C-alpha atoms as a PDB file:
ATOM      1  CA  UNK A   1      10.287 -44.657 166.440  1.00  0.00           C
ATOM      2  CA  UNK A   2      11.701 -43.634 163.082  1.00  0.00           C
ATOM      3  CA  UNK A   3       9.098 -42.992 160.429  1.00  0.00           C
ATOM      4  CA  UNK A   4       9.880 -44.473 157.016  1.00  0.00           C
ATOM      5  CA  UNK A   5       8.049 -42.591 154.268  1.00  0.00           C
ATOM      6  CA  UNK A   6      10.510 -42.757 151.340  1.00  0.00           C
ATOM      7  CA  UNK A   7      12.246 -45.934 150.234  1.00  0.00           C
ATOM      8  CA  UNK A   8      14.931 -45.978 147.540  1.00  0.00           C
ATOM      9  CA  UNK A   9      15.294 -49.208 145.568  1.00  0.00           C
ATOM     10  CA  UNK A  10      18.330 -49.416 143.264  1.00  0.00           C
ATOM     11  CA  UNK A  11      17.840 -51.870 140.382  1.00  0.00           C
ATOM     12  CA  UNK A  12      19.841 -53.283 137.497  1.00  0.00           C
ATOM     13  CA  UNK A  13      16.862 -55.107 135.907  1.00  0.00           C
ATOM     14  CA  UNK A  14      18.305 -58.520 136.778  1.00  0.00           C
ATOM     15  CA  UNK A  15      16.377 -61.386 138.365  1.00  0.00           C
ATOM     16  CA  UNK A  16      17.726 -60.168 141.711  1.00  0.00           C
ATOM     17  CA  UNK A  17      16.147 -56.741 141.150  1.00  0.00           C
ATOM     18  CA  UNK A  18      12.797 -58.373 140.532  1.00  0.00           C
ATOM     19  CA  UNK A  19      13.063 -60.275 143.794  1.00  0.00           C
ATOM     20  CA  UNK A  20      14.127 -57.188 145.767  1.00  0.00           C
ATOM     21  CA  UNK A  21      11.358 -55.080 144.177  1.00  0.00           C
ATOM     22  CA  UNK A  22       8.716 -57.396 145.580  1.00  0.00           C
ATOM     23  CA  UNK A  23      10.233 -57.171 149.057  1.00  0.00           C
ATOM     24  CA  UNK A  24      10.473 -53.378 148.818  1.00  0.00           C
ATOM     25  CA  UNK A  25       6.872 -53.097 147.670  1.00  0.00           C
ATOM     26  CA  UNK A  26       5.700 -55.221 150.605  1.00  0.00           C
ATOM     27  CA  UNK A  27       7.679 -53.020 153.021  1.00  0.00           C
ATOM     28  CA  UNK A  28       6.286 -49.869 151.430  1.00  0.00           C
ATOM     29  CA  UNK A  29       2.704 -51.101 151.620  1.00  0.00           C
ATOM     30  CA  UNK A  30       3.050 -51.931 155.301  1.00  0.00           C
ATOM     31  CA  UNK A  31       4.668 -48.573 156.032  1.00  0.00           C
ATOM     32  CA  UNK A  32       2.498 -46.550 153.645  1.00  0.00           C
ATOM     33  CA  UNK A  33       5.708 -45.268 152.061  1.00  0.00           C
ATOM     34  CA  UNK A  34       6.666 -44.014 148.619  1.00  0.00           C
ATOM     35  CA  UNK A  35       9.038 -46.136 146.556  1.00  0.00           C
ATOM     36  CA  UNK A  36      11.681 -44.562 144.327  1.00  0.00           C
ATOM     37  CA  UNK A  37      13.136 -47.104 141.913  1.00  0.00           C
ATOM     38  CA  UNK A  38      16.513 -45.941 140.606  1.00  0.00           C
ATOM     39  CA  UNK A  39      18.734 -47.230 137.820  1.00  0.00           C
ATOM     40  CA  UNK A  40      22.217 -45.769 137.446  1.00  0.00           C
ATOM     41  CA  UNK A  41      23.764 -45.710 133.998  1.00  0.00           C
ATOM     42  CA  UNK A  42      27.526 -45.840 134.362  1.00  0.00           C
ATOM     43  CA  UNK A  43      29.149 -42.656 133.026  1.00  0.00           C
ATOM     44  CA  UNK A  44      31.491 -43.575 130.164  1.00  0.00           C
ATOM     45  CA  UNK A  45      33.177 -40.165 129.886  1.00  0.00           C
ATOM     46  CA  UNK A  46      35.955 -41.362 132.183  1.00  0.00           C
ATOM     47  CA  UNK A  47      36.858 -44.025 129.606  1.00  0.00           C
ATOM     48  CA  UNK A  48      37.180 -41.664 126.632  1.00  0.00           C
ATOM     49  CA  UNK A  49      40.894 -42.244 126.066  1.00  0.00           C
ATOM     50  CA  UNK A  50      40.554 -46.015 126.348  1.00  0.00           C
ATOM     51  CA  UNK A  51      37.777 -46.793 123.909  1.00  0.00           C
ATOM     52  CA  UNK A  52      37.838 -44.112 121.265  1.00  0.00           C
ATOM     53  CA  UNK A  53      36.176 -40.866 120.455  1.00  0.00           C
ATOM     54  CA  UNK A  54      33.657 -39.164 122.696  1.00  0.00           C
ATOM     55  CA  UNK A  55      31.125 -39.300 119.857  1.00  0.00           C
ATOM     56  CA  UNK A  56      31.268 -43.095 119.916  1.00  0.00           C
ATOM     57  CA  UNK A  57      30.864 -43.159 123.693  1.00  0.00           C
ATOM     58  CA  UNK A  58      28.056 -40.611 123.549  1.00  0.00           C
ATOM     59  CA  UNK A  59      26.257 -42.734 120.959  1.00  0.00           C
ATOM     60  CA  UNK A  60      26.689 -45.789 123.186  1.00  0.00           C
ATOM     61  CA  UNK A  61      25.386 -43.904 126.224  1.00  0.00           C
ATOM     62  CA  UNK A  62      22.356 -42.716 124.245  1.00  0.00           C
ATOM     63  CA  UNK A  63      21.537 -46.273 123.169  1.00  0.00           C
ATOM     64  CA  UNK A  64      21.973 -47.530 126.731  1.00  0.00           C
ATOM     65  CA  UNK A  65      19.862 -44.691 128.143  1.00  0.00           C
ATOM     66  CA  UNK A  66      17.037 -45.416 125.712  1.00  0.00           C
ATOM     67  CA  UNK A  67      17.253 -49.112 126.595  1.00  0.00           C
ATOM     68  CA  UNK A  68      17.257 -48.300 130.325  1.00  0.00           C
ATOM     69  CA  UNK A  69      14.146 -46.138 129.938  1.00  0.00           C
ATOM     70  CA  UNK A  70      12.292 -48.969 128.188  1.00  0.00           C
ATOM     71  CA  UNK A  71      13.494 -51.498 130.750  1.00  0.00           C
ATOM     72  CA  UNK A  72      12.415 -49.210 133.592  1.00  0.00           C
ATOM     73  CA  UNK A  73       8.935 -48.752 132.130  1.00  0.00           C
ATOM     74  CA  UNK A  74       8.538 -52.527 131.835  1.00  0.00           C
ATOM     75  CA  UNK A  75       9.975 -53.073 135.326  1.00  0.00           C
ATOM     76  CA  UNK A  76       7.578 -50.593 136.945  1.00  0.00           C
ATOM     77  CA  UNK A  77       4.579 -52.032 135.063  1.00  0.00           C
ATOM     78  CA  UNK A  78       5.507 -55.567 136.074  1.00  0.00           C
ATOM     79  CA  UNK A  79       6.345 -54.948 139.736  1.00  0.00           C
ATOM     80  CA  UNK A  80       4.558 -51.766 140.792  1.00  0.00           C
ATOM     81  CA  UNK A  81       1.418 -51.535 138.644  1.00  0.00           C
ATOM     82  CA  UNK A  82      -0.634 -52.171 141.780  1.00  0.00           C
ATOM     83  CA  UNK A  83       1.308 -49.617 143.818  1.00  0.00           C
ATOM     84  CA  UNK A  84       0.878 -46.048 142.547  1.00  0.00           C
ATOM     85  CA  UNK A  85       3.246 -44.719 145.221  1.00  0.00           C
ATOM     86  CA  UNK A  86       6.198 -45.880 143.092  1.00  0.00           C
ATOM     87  CA  UNK A  87       8.203 -43.646 140.797  1.00  0.00           C
ATOM     88  CA  UNK A  88      11.147 -44.361 138.526  1.00  0.00           C
ATOM     89  CA  UNK A  89      14.422 -42.489 138.232  1.00  0.00           C
ATOM     90  CA  UNK A  90      17.349 -42.948 135.851  1.00  0.00           C
ATOM     91  CA  UNK A  91      20.604 -41.151 136.586  1.00  0.00           C
ATOM     92  CA  UNK A  92      24.084 -41.254 135.082  1.00  0.00           C
ATOM     93  CA  UNK A  93      27.381 -41.500 136.943  1.00  0.00           C
ATOM     94  CA  UNK A  94      29.240 -43.637 139.445  1.00  0.00           C
ATOM     95  CA  UNK A  95      26.747 -46.244 140.635  1.00  0.00           C
ATOM     96  CA  UNK A  96      27.489 -46.129 144.373  1.00  0.00           C
ATOM     97  CA  UNK A  97      27.773 -42.332 144.481  1.00  0.00           C
ATOM     98  CA  UNK A  98      24.574 -41.791 142.494  1.00  0.00           C
ATOM     99  CA  UNK A  99      22.553 -44.228 144.598  1.00  0.00           C
ATOM    100  CA  UNK A 100      23.574 -42.375 147.762  1.00  0.00           C
ATOM    101  CA  UNK A 101      23.169 -38.934 146.176  1.00  0.00           C
ATOM    102  CA  UNK A 102      19.711 -39.818 144.836  1.00  0.00           C
ATOM    103  CA  UNK A 103      18.665 -41.116 148.233  1.00  0.00           C
ATOM    104  CA  UNK A 104      19.775 -37.875 149.864  1.00  0.00           C
ATOM    105  CA  UNK A 105      18.013 -35.688 147.271  1.00  0.00           C
ATOM    106  CA  UNK A 106      14.788 -37.625 147.758  1.00  0.00           C
ATOM    107  CA  UNK A 107      15.196 -37.600 151.525  1.00  0.00           C
ATOM    108  CA  UNK A 108      14.952 -41.379 151.535  1.00  0.00           C
ATOM    109  CA  UNK A 109      14.538 -42.916 154.964  1.00  0.00           C
ATOM    110  CA  UNK A 110      15.702 -46.350 153.818  1.00  0.00           C
ATOM    111  CA  UNK A 111      17.533 -47.972 150.905  1.00  0.00           C
ATOM    112  CA  UNK A 112      16.509 -51.531 150.071  1.00  0.00           C
ATOM    113  CA  UNK A 113      18.821 -53.376 147.713  1.00  0.00           C
ATOM    114  CA  UNK A 114      20.116 -56.802 146.836  1.00  0.00           C
ATOM    115  CA  UNK A 115      23.466 -58.062 148.014  1.00  0.00           C
ATOM    116  CA  UNK A 116      24.120 -59.317 144.483  1.00  0.00           C
ATOM    117  CA  UNK A 117      23.349 -57.846 141.096  1.00  0.00           C
ATOM    118  CA  UNK A 118      24.427 -58.859 137.665  1.00  0.00           C
ATOM    119  CA  UNK A 119      27.195 -61.398 137.750  1.00  0.00           C
ATOM    120  CA  UNK A 120      30.356 -61.756 135.735  1.00  0.00           C
ATOM    121  CA  UNK A 121      32.053 -58.801 134.089  1.00  0.00           C
ATOM    122  CA  UNK A 122      30.060 -56.126 135.956  1.00  0.00           C
ATOM    123  CA  UNK A 123      31.148 -57.536 139.296  1.00  0.00           C
ATOM    124  CA  UNK A 124      34.812 -57.661 138.223  1.00  0.00           C
ATOM    125  CA  UNK A 125      34.835 -54.137 136.735  1.00  0.00           C
ATOM    126  CA  UNK A 126      32.740 -52.255 139.251  1.00  0.00           C
ATOM    127  CA  UNK A 127      33.112 -54.247 142.489  1.00  0.00           C
ATOM    128  CA  UNK A 128      30.293 -54.685 144.934  1.00  0.00           C
ATOM    129  CA  UNK A 129      27.728 -51.927 144.672  1.00  0.00           C
ATOM    130  CA  UNK A 130      25.906 -53.095 147.793  1.00  0.00           C
ATOM    131  CA  UNK A 131      29.140 -53.069 149.767  1.00  0.00           C
ATOM    132  CA  UNK A 132      29.935 -49.529 148.614  1.00  0.00           C
ATOM    133  CA  UNK A 133      26.472 -48.247 149.495  1.00  0.00           C
ATOM    134  CA  UNK A 134      26.448 -49.918 152.908  1.00  0.00           C
ATOM    135  CA  UNK A 135      29.893 -48.527 153.774  1.00  0.00           C
ATOM    136  CA  UNK A 136      29.248 -44.968 152.566  1.00  0.00           C
ATOM    137  CA  UNK A 137      25.544 -44.212 152.932  1.00  0.00           C
ATOM    138  CA  UNK A 138      24.283 -41.938 155.700  1.00  0.00           C
ATOM    139  CA  UNK A 139      20.861 -43.491 154.976  1.00  0.00           C
ATOM    140  CA  UNK A 140      20.108 -46.873 156.579  1.00  0.00           C
ATOM    141  CA  UNK A 141      20.461 -49.729 154.084  1.00  0.00           C
ATOM    142  CA  UNK A 142      18.551 -53.000 154.164  1.00  0.00           C
ATOM    143  CA  UNK A 143      20.267 -55.619 152.039  1.00  0.00           C
ATOM    144  CA  UNK A 144      18.544 -58.758 150.821  1.00  0.00           C
ATOM    145  CA  UNK A 145      20.444 -61.837 149.707  1.00  0.00           C
ATOM    146  CA  UNK A 146      17.982 -63.472 147.320  1.00  0.00           C
ATOM    147  CA  UNK A 147      20.100 -66.591 146.941  1.00  0.00           C
ATOM    148  CA  UNK A 148      19.963 -67.336 150.675  1.00  0.00           C
ATOM    149  CA  UNK A 149      16.235 -66.654 150.856  1.00  0.00           C
ATOM    150  CA  UNK A 150      15.447 -68.872 147.872  1.00  0.00           C
ATOM    151  CA  UNK A 151      17.311 -71.786 149.457  1.00  0.00           C
ATOM    152  CA  UNK A 152      15.766 -71.262 152.886  1.00  0.00           C
END
């Protein structure tokens, strides 16, 4: 049987992430596995010509990074305070690519993520992150649809 010792949990700090975090923590406890909670900050360098100067984009990225760090600290305290085998990671780049790359670097045995994240503009601009990870990851991916589970 495959041994699962490292679980990667991508989050976007939405209500869905909170739901998935609890599931991931329960899995990790049962498997005695480490949890790596990752947030990917979209890299804005690719949009330089569209929005203005790189200084403006760099300032925006710095504000978003600082906000992500605070959000991650709060997220870990809220959902993993009772599970010291959890660590947080913030990376910058393409969301799907960085989730997979982070999982490979950490030698994750499993990725647990929601089928839905933030709604609205993010979904239109960036497409389905879960779909991209499932299609491209060499690491097994467990997806959780929190909307189906809540109803059931």
